[in-house]
Every structure is written in C-alpha cells, then in structure tokens.
PDB file of N, CA and C in Angstrom:
ATOM      1  N   MET A   1      97.222  85.662  83.193  1.00  0.00           N
ATOM      2  CA  MET A   1      96.403  86.690  83.313  1.00  0.00           C
ATOM      3  C   MET A   1      95.424  86.796  82.055  1.00  0.00           C
ATOM      4  N   ALA A   2      94.226  87.305  82.179  1.00  0.00           N
ATOM      5  CA  ALA A   2      93.405  87.264  81.060  1.00  0.00           C
ATOM      6  C   ALA A   2      93.139  88.559  80.416  1.00  0.00           C
ATOM      7  N   GLU A   3      92.331  89.441  81.071  1.00  0.00           N
ATOM      8  CA  GLU A   3      91.773  90.646  80.471  1.00  0.00           C
ATOM      9  C   GLU A   3      92.906  91.513  79.807  1.00  0.00           C
ATOM     10  N   ASN A   4      93.737  92.092  80.624  1.00  0.00           N
ATOM     11  CA  ASN A   4      94.791  93.020  80.086  1.00  0.00           C
ATOM     12  C   ASN A   4      96.178  92.404  80.452  1.00  0.00           C
ATOM     13  N   ASP A   5      96.723  91.614  79.613  1.00  0.00           N
ATOM     14  CA  ASP A   5      97.935  90.992  79.958  1.00  0.00           C
ATOM     15  C   ASP A   5      98.995  92.030  80.068  1.00  0.00           C
ATOM     16  N   ILE A   6      98.930  92.724  81.237  1.00  0.00           N
ATOM     17  CA  ILE A   6      99.934  93.812  81.548  1.00  0.00           C
ATOM     18  C   ILE A   6     100.885  93.360  82.532  1.00  0.00           C
ATOM     19  N   LYS A   7     102.145  93.602  82.269  1.00  0.00           N
ATOM     20  CA  LYS A   7     103.217  93.216  83.166  1.00  0.00           C
ATOM     21  C   LYS A   7     103.971  94.520  83.741  1.00  0.00           C
ATOM     22  N   PHE A   8     104.223  94.561  85.037  1.00  0.00           N
ATOM     23  CA  PHE A   8     104.912  95.757  85.580  1.00  0.00           C
ATOM     24  C   PHE A   8     106.184  95.284  86.139  1.00  0.00           C
ATOM     25  N   ASP A   9     107.240  96.060  85.926  1.00  0.00           N
ATOM     26  CA  ASP A   9     108.537  95.911  86.734  1.00  0.00           C
ATOM     27  C   ASP A   9     108.362  96.849  87.823  1.00  0.00           C
ATOM     28  N   LEU A  10     107.908  96.283  89.000  1.00  0.00           N
ATOM     29  CA  LEU A  10     107.536  97.069  90.137  1.00  0.00           C
ATOM     30  C   LEU A  10     108.711  97.845  90.746  1.00  0.00           C
ATOM     31  N   GLU A  11     109.954  97.380  90.449  1.00  0.00           N
ATOM     32  CA  GLU A  11     111.190  97.932  90.957  1.00  0.00           C
ATOM     33  C   GLU A  11     111.331  99.349  90.293  1.00  0.00           C
ATOM     34  N   THR A  12     110.855  99.558  89.043  1.00  0.00           N
ATOM     35  CA  THR A  12     111.071 100.842  88.423  1.00  0.00           C
ATOM     36  C   THR A  12     109.916 101.798  88.530  1.00  0.00           C
ATOM     37  N   LEU A  13     108.763 101.461  89.194  1.00  0.00           N
ATOM     38  CA  LEU A  13     107.814 102.371  89.448  1.00  0.00           C
ATOM     39  C   LEU A  13     107.950 103.248  90.733  1.00  0.00           C
ATOM     40  N   SER A  14     107.460 104.428  90.559  1.00  0.00           N
ATOM     41  CA  SER A  14     107.590 105.375  91.670  1.00  0.00           C
ATOM     42  C   SER A  14     106.667 105.057  92.729  1.00  0.00           C
ATOM     43  N   ILE A  15     106.783 105.733  93.916  1.00  0.00           N
ATOM     44  CA  ILE A  15     105.852 105.469  94.995  1.00  0.00           C
ATOM     45  C   ILE A  15     104.462 105.838  94.501  1.00  0.00           C
ATOM     46  N   GLU A  16     104.318 107.019  93.830  1.00  0.00           N
ATOM     47  CA  GLU A  16     102.975 107.439  93.429  1.00  0.00           C
ATOM     48  C   GLU A  16     102.341 106.433  92.416  1.00  0.00           C
ATOM     49  N   GLU A  17     103.198 105.894  91.480  1.00  0.00           N
ATOM     50  CA  GLU A  17     102.729 104.959  90.614  1.00  0.00           C
ATOM     51  C   GLU A  17     102.309 103.621  91.208  1.00  0.00           C
ATOM     52  N   LEU A  18     103.059 103.223  92.238  1.00  0.00           N
ATOM     53  CA  LEU A  18     102.761 101.973  92.978  1.00  0.00           C
ATOM     54  C   LEU A  18     101.439 102.211  93.739  1.00  0.00           C
ATOM     55  N   ALA A  19     101.252 103.359  94.330  1.00  0.00           N
ATOM     56  CA  ALA A  19      99.987 103.714  95.168  1.00  0.00           C
ATOM     57  C   ALA A  19      98.819 103.545  94.177  1.00  0.00           C
ATOM     58  N   THR A  20      98.916 104.247  92.933  1.00  0.00           N
ATOM     59  CA  THR A  20      97.891 104.212  92.006  1.00  0.00           C
ATOM     60  C   THR A  20      97.557 102.855  91.616  1.00  0.00           C
ATOM     61  N   LEU A  21      98.558 102.068  91.355  1.00  0.00           N
ATOM     62  CA  LEU A  21      98.415 100.585  91.008  1.00  0.00           C
ATOM     63  C   LEU A  21      97.689  99.860  92.120  1.00  0.00           C
ATOM     64  N   ARG A  22      97.980 100.036  93.317  1.00  0.00           N
ATOM     65  CA  ARG A  22      97.384  99.461  94.436  1.00  0.00           C
ATOM     66  C   ARG A  22      95.815  99.863  94.479  1.00  0.00           C
ATOM     67  N   ASP A  23      95.620 101.170  94.298  1.00  0.00           N
ATOM     68  CA  ASP A  23      94.203 101.674  94.306  1.00  0.00           C
ATOM     69  C   ASP A  23      93.398 101.010  93.195  1.00  0.00           C
ATOM     70  N   LEU A  24      93.888 100.842  91.997  1.00  0.00           N
ATOM     71  CA  LEU A  24      93.211 100.343  90.946  1.00  0.00           C
ATOM     72  C   LEU A  24      93.056  98.863  91.150  1.00  0.00           C
ATOM     73  N   ALA A  25      94.007  98.182  91.705  1.00  0.00           N
ATOM     74  CA  ALA A  25      93.776  96.724  91.945  1.00  0.00           C
ATOM     75  C   ALA A  25      92.795  96.500  93.043  1.00  0.00           C
ATOM     76  N   THR A  26      92.773  97.438  94.048  1.00  0.00           N
ATOM     77  CA  THR A  26      91.733  97.325  95.071  1.00  0.00           C
ATOM     78  C   THR A  26      90.332  97.538  94.510  1.00  0.00           C
ATOM     79  N   GLU A  27      90.246  98.507  93.659  1.00  0.00           N
ATOM     80  CA  GLU A  27      88.871  98.744  93.091  1.00  0.00           C
ATOM     81  C   GLU A  27      88.380  97.566  92.238  1.00  0.00           C
ATOM     82  N   LYS A  28      89.356  97.024  91.392  1.00  0.00           N
ATOM     83  CA  LYS A  28      88.940  95.991  90.524  1.00  0.00           C
ATOM     84  C   LYS A  28      88.624  94.704  91.351  1.00  0.00           C
ATOM     85  N   LEU A  29      89.349  94.415  92.414  1.00  0.00           N
ATOM     86  CA  LEU A  29      89.064  93.291  93.286  1.00  0.00           C
ATOM     87  C   LEU A  29      87.695  93.517  93.908  1.00  0.00           C
ATOM     88  N   ALA A  30      87.329  94.650  94.370  1.00  0.00           N
ATOM     89  CA  ALA A  30      86.054  94.981  95.023  1.00  0.00           C
ATOM     90  C   ALA A  30      84.910  94.720  93.968  1.00  0.00           C
ATOM     91  N   GLU A  31      85.165  95.156  92.775  1.00  0.00           N
ATOM     92  CA  GLU A  31      84.145  94.959  91.742  1.00  0.00           C
ATOM     93  C   GLU A  31      83.971  93.383  91.523  1.00  0.00           C
ATOM     94  N   LYS A  32      85.013  92.690  91.407  1.00  0.00           N
ATOM     95  CA  LYS A  32      84.964  91.205  91.134  1.00  0.00           C
ATOM     96  C   LYS A  32      84.273  90.441  92.313  1.00  0.00           C
ATOM     97  N   VAL A  33      84.519  90.966  93.573  1.00  0.00           N
ATOM     98  CA  VAL A  33      83.988  90.263  94.662  1.00  0.00           C
ATOM     99  C   VAL A  33      82.537  90.518  94.790  1.00  0.00           C
ATOM    100  N   ALA A  34      82.129  91.778  94.396  1.00  0.00           N
ATOM    101  CA  ALA A  34      80.711  92.199  94.474  1.00  0.00           C
ATOM    102  C   ALA A  34      79.943  91.360  93.415  1.00  0.00           C
ATOM    103  N   ALA A  35      80.540  91.273  92.171  1.00  0.00           N
ATOM    104  CA  ALA A  35      79.862  90.514  91.110  1.00  0.00           C
ATOM    105  C   ALA A  35      79.732  89.067  91.466  1.00  0.00           C
ATOM    106  N   ARG A  36      80.778  88.474  92.044  1.00  0.00           N
ATOM    107  CA  ARG A  36      80.712  87.037  92.331  1.00  0.00           C
ATOM    108  C   ARG A  36      79.718  86.857  93.505  1.00  0.00           C
ATOM    109  N   GLN A  37      79.692  87.786  94.520  1.00  0.00           N
ATOM    110  CA  GLN A  37      78.663  87.694  95.521  1.00  0.00           C
ATOM    111  C   GLN A  37      77.224  87.709  95.014  1.00  0.00           C
ATOM    112  N   ALA A  38      77.041  88.589  94.070  1.00  0.00           N
ATOM    113  CA  ALA A  38      75.674  88.657  93.471  1.00  0.00           C
ATOM    114  C   ALA A  38      75.323  87.391  92.674  1.00  0.00           C
ATOM    115  N   GLU A  39      76.301  86.812  92.045  1.00  0.00           N
ATOM    116  CA  GLU A  39      76.077  85.519  91.408  1.00  0.00           C
ATOM    117  C   GLU A  39      75.724  84.535  92.382  1.00  0.00           C
ATOM    118  N   LEU A  40      76.479  84.323  93.449  1.00  0.00           N
ATOM    119  CA  LEU A  40      76.229  83.330  94.454  1.00  0.00           C
ATOM    120  C   LEU A  40      74.893  83.404  95.119  1.00  0.00           C
ATOM    121  N   GLU A  41      74.500  84.715  95.400  1.00  0.00           N
ATOM    122  CA  GLU A  41      73.167  84.946  96.063  1.00  0.00           C
ATOM    123  C   GLU A  41      72.050  84.637  95.106  1.00  0.00           C
ATOM    124  N   ALA A  42      72.288  84.892  93.796  1.00  0.00           N
ATOM    125  CA  ALA A  42      71.219  84.459  92.892  1.00  0.00           C
ATOM    126  C   ALA A  42      71.096  82.991  92.782  1.00  0.00           C
ATOM    127  N   GLU A  43      72.244  82.317  92.795  1.00  0.00           N
ATOM    128  CA  GLU A  43      72.252  80.800  92.842  1.00  0.00           C
ATOM    129  C   GLU A  43      71.514  80.308  94.159  1.00  0.00           C
ATOM    130  N   LEU A  44      71.869  80.863  95.232  1.00  0.00           N
ATOM    131  CA  LEU A  44      71.153  80.505  96.457  1.00  0.00           C
ATOM    132  C   LEU A  44      69.666  80.582  96.311  1.00  0.00           C
ATOM    133  N   GLU A  45      69.324  81.728  95.763  1.00  0.00           N
ATOM    134  CA  GLU A  45      67.831  81.931  95.684  1.00  0.00           C
ATOM    135  C   GLU A  45      67.158  80.937  94.701  1.00  0.00           C
ATOM    136  N   ARG A  46      67.875  80.574  93.564  1.00  0.00           N
ATOM    137  CA  ARG A  46      67.440  79.453  92.804  1.00  0.00           C
ATOM    138  C   ARG A  46      67.313  78.174  93.490  1.00  0.00           C
ATOM    139  N   LEU A  47      68.421  77.874  94.355  1.00  0.00           N
ATOM    140  CA  LEU A  47      68.400  76.481  94.973  1.00  0.00           C
ATOM    141  C   LEU A  47      67.428  76.524  96.153  1.00  0.00           C
ATOM    142  N   SER A  48      67.114  77.710  96.746  1.00  0.00           N
ATOM    143  CA  SER A  48      66.208  77.637  97.783  1.00  0.00           C
ATOM    144  C   SER A  48      64.771  77.135  97.496  1.00  0.00           C
ATOM    145  N   GLN A  49      64.393  77.001  96.279  1.00  0.00           N
ATOM    146  CA  GLN A  49      63.139  76.410  96.001  1.00  0.00           C
ATOM    147  C   GLN A  49      63.124  74.899  96.170  1.00  0.00           C
ATOM    148  N   TYR A  50      64.212  74.405  96.394  1.00  0.00           N
ATOM    149  CA  TYR A  50      64.338  72.923  96.676  1.00  0.00           C
ATOM    150  C   TYR A  50      64.457  72.526  98.153  1.00  0.00           C
ATOM    151  N   GLY A  51      64.544  73.435  98.961  1.00  0.00           N
ATOM    152  CA  GLY A  51      64.733  73.090 100.377  1.00  0.00           C
ATOM    153  C   GLY A  51      64.441  74.273 101.233  1.00  0.00           C
ATOM    154  N   LYS A  52      65.242  74.399 102.300  1.00  0.00           N
ATOM    155  CA  LYS A  52      65.067  75.425 103.233  1.00  0.00           C
ATOM    156  C   LYS A  52      65.244  76.780 102.577  1.00  0.00           C
ATOM    157  N   PRO A  53      64.692  77.846 102.945  1.00  0.00           N
ATOM    158  CA  PRO A  53      64.850  79.135 102.365  1.00  0.00           C
ATOM    159  C   PRO A  53      66.288  79.606 102.646  1.00  0.00           C
ATOM    160  N   ALA A  54      66.905  80.199 101.612  1.00  0.00           N
ATOM    161  CA  ALA A  54      68.226  80.593 101.703  1.00  0.00           C
ATOM    162  C   ALA A  54      68.303  81.877 102.542  1.00  0.00           C
ATOM    163  N   LYS A  55      69.334  81.942 103.382  1.00  0.00           N
ATOM    164  CA  LYS A  55      69.601  83.037 104.159  1.00  0.00           C
ATOM    165  C   LYS A  55      70.575  83.979 103.425  1.00  0.00           C
ATOM    166  N   LYS A  56      70.318  85.276 103.489  1.00  0.00           N
ATOM    167  CA  LYS A  56      71.212  86.191 102.877  1.00  0.00           C
ATOM    168  C   LYS A  56      72.611  86.082 103.645  1.00  0.00           C
ATOM    169  N   SER A  57      73.647  85.990 102.878  1.00  0.00           N
ATOM    170  CA  SER A  57      75.069  85.960 103.478  1.00  0.00           C
ATOM    171  C   SER A  57      75.369  87.240 103.984  1.00  0.00           C
ATOM    172  N   GLN A  58      76.147  87.189 105.095  1.00  0.00           N
ATOM    173  CA  GLN A  58      76.678  88.337 105.581  1.00  0.00           C
ATOM    174  C   GLN A  58      78.244  88.169 105.692  1.00  0.00           C
ATOM    175  N   ALA A  59      78.989  89.303 105.698  1.00  0.00           N
ATOM    176  CA  ALA A  59      80.314  89.129 105.733  1.00  0.00           C
ATOM    177  C   ALA A  59      80.767  88.411 107.021  1.00  0.00           C
ATOM    178  N   PRO A  60      81.668  87.387 106.810  1.00  0.00           N
ATOM    179  CA  PRO A  60      82.125  86.631 108.060  1.00  0.00           C
ATOM    180  C   PRO A  60      82.808  87.456 109.047  1.00  0.00           C
ATOM    181  N   VAL A  61      82.428  87.276 110.282  1.00  0.00           N
ATOM    182  CA  VAL A  61      83.138  88.000 111.371  1.00  0.00           C
ATOM    183  C   VAL A  61      83.994  87.009 112.111  1.00  0.00           C
ATOM    184  N   GLY A  62      85.329  87.265 112.090  1.00  0.00           N
ATOM    185  CA  GLY A  62      86.376  86.436 112.705  1.00  0.00           C
ATOM    186  C   GLY A  62      86.343  86.570 114.188  1.00  0.00           C
ATOM    187  N   LYS A  63      86.597  85.503 114.798  1.00  0.00           N
ATOM    188  CA  LYS A  63      86.720  85.475 116.278  1.00  0.00           C
ATOM    189  C   LYS A  63      88.044  86.075 116.703  1.00  0.00           C
ATOM    190  N   PRO A  64      88.104  86.817 117.743  1.00  0.00           N
ATOM    191  CA  PRO A  64      89.481  87.356 118.108  1.00  0.00           C
ATOM    192  C   PRO A  64      90.379  86.214 118.657  1.00  0.00           C
ATOM    193  N   LYS A  65      91.566  86.327 118.345  1.00  0.00           N
ATOM    194  CA  LYS A  65      92.576  85.379 118.754  1.00  0.00           C
ATOM    195  C   LYS A  65      92.858  85.577 120.323  1.00  0.00           C
ATOM    196  N   LYS A  66      93.399  84.642 120.972  1.00  0.00           N
ATOM    197  CA  LYS A  66      93.698  84.761 122.377  1.00  0.00           C
ATOM    198  C   LYS A  66      94.653  85.884 122.630  1.00  0.00           C
ATOM    199  N   ASP A  67      95.639  86.040 121.744  1.00  0.00           N
ATOM    200  CA  ASP A  67      96.696  87.086 121.910  1.00  0.00           C
ATOM    201  C   ASP A  67      95.973  88.457 121.796  1.00  0.00           C
ATOM    202  N   ASP A  68      95.054  88.597 120.842  1.00  0.00           N
ATOM    203  CA  ASP A  68      94.457  89.916 120.672  1.00  0.00           C
ATOM    204  C   ASP A  68      93.555  90.326 121.797  1.00  0.00           C
ATOM    205  N   ALA A  69      92.970  89.396 122.460  1.00  0.00           N
ATOM    206  CA  ALA A  69      92.174  89.634 123.639  1.00  0.00           C
ATOM    207  C   ALA A  69      92.921  90.187 124.814  1.00  0.00           C
ATOM    208  N   LEU A  70      94.191  89.806 124.814  1.00  0.00           N
ATOM    209  CA  LEU A  70      95.076  90.152 126.008  1.00  0.00           C
ATOM    210  C   LEU A  70      95.657  91.649 125.724  1.00  0.00           C
ATOM    211  N   LYS A  71      95.632  92.136 124.457  1.00  0.00           N
ATOM    212  CA  LYS A  71      96.166  93.405 124.204  1.00  0.00           C
ATOM    213  C   LYS A  71      95.300  94.463 124.590  1.00  0.00           C
ATOM    214  N   SER A  72      95.769  95.597 125.023  1.00  0.00           N
ATOM    215  CA  SER A  72      94.919  96.701 125.533  1.00  0.00           C
ATOM    216  C   SER A  72      94.361  97.430 124.296  1.00  0.00           C
ATOM    217  N   ASP A  73      93.209  98.087 124.426  1.00  0.00           N
ATOM    218  CA  ASP A  73      92.533  98.758 123.313  1.00  0.00           C
ATOM    219  C   ASP A  73      93.246  99.900 122.712  1.00  0.00           C
ATOM    220  N   ASP A  74      94.148 100.503 123.561  1.00  0.00           N
ATOM    221  CA  ASP A  74      94.844 101.705 123.084  1.00  0.00           C
ATOM    222  C   ASP A  74      96.124 101.372 122.326  1.00  0.00           C
ATOM    223  N   SER A  75      96.468 100.154 122.205  1.00  0.00           N
ATOM    224  CA  SER A  75      97.709  99.810 121.516  1.00  0.00           C
ATOM    225  C   SER A  75      97.456  99.829 119.993  1.00  0.00           C
ATOM    226  N   GLU A  76      98.470 100.053 119.219  1.00  0.00           N
ATOM    227  CA  GLU A  76      98.347 100.076 117.708  1.00  0.00           C
ATOM    228  C   GLU A  76      98.219  98.659 117.343  1.00  0.00           C
ATOM    229  N   PRO A  77      97.402  98.352 116.086  1.00  0.00           N
ATOM    230  CA  PRO A  77      97.316  97.090 115.638  1.00  0.00           C
ATOM    231  C   PRO A  77      98.598  96.566 115.187  1.00  0.00           C
ATOM    232  N   VAL A  78      98.840  95.256 115.270  1.00  0.00           N
ATOM    233  CA  VAL A  78     100.031  94.607 114.913  1.00  0.00           C
ATOM    234  C   VAL A  78      99.737  93.601 113.748  1.00  0.00           C
ATOM    235  N   PHE A  79     100.405  93.763 112.687  1.00  0.00           N
ATOM    236  CA  PHE A  79     100.081  92.872 111.531  1.00  0.00           C
ATOM    237  C   PHE A  79     101.257  91.816 111.433  1.00  0.00           C
ATOM    238  N   LYS A  80     100.799  90.599 111.321  1.00  0.00           N
ATOM    239  CA  LYS A  80     101.730  89.548 111.154  1.00  0.00           C
ATOM    240  C   LYS A  80     101.823  88.945 109.694  1.00  0.00           C
ATOM    241  N   ALA A  81     102.940  88.732 109.332  1.00  0.00           N
ATOM    242  CA  ALA A  81     103.171  88.124 107.929  1.00  0.00           C
ATOM    243  C   ALA A  81     102.704  86.771 107.831  1.00  0.00           C
ATOM    244  N   ALA A  82     102.217  86.374 106.708  1.00  0.00           N
ATOM    245  CA  ALA A  82     101.598  85.054 106.532  1.00  0.00           C
ATOM    246  C   ALA A  82     102.575  83.998 106.400  1.00  0.00           C
TER     247      ALA A  82
END
C-alpha cells in the first residue's frame, strides 16, 4: 500500500464500520478510475495526430451469456463467485 498504509482487522469492525469502509473504498476507486480514464483519453488525443483520429472510449458493454438469455426477466439476478 502506498498513500495511507492503514491496516484493518475486518473481524473486529462493526457492520456500520464495514459499510463505511466499503463506501469510502468505492469512492476512492471511482476517483482513480476517472483520473486514469482522463489520462488515457489525453494520451489517445496526443497519439491521434500520428494516425487515424482517436475515438472516445465508451464503457464496454458485455454480451449476455447463454444462461442469462434463458432466464426470465422477472427473476432476481444471480451472482456467481469467481
């Protein structure tokens, strides 16, 4: 870890503390993703002068899996562990 070498004993945190930690981590991750995306878009813009014009990137859209297509729309989503 770099910025704030903070370590947590997750077993000792309350549900509220864990939820707050999750929210803070989600916010920080979103900030870092946005900053990196801006860096990459700027780099694409610089590189575009050497070839084809750079297209603005869009969030990738995943193709539905065969299993998902068979499920009815009114069923609840099922999450699988990696």
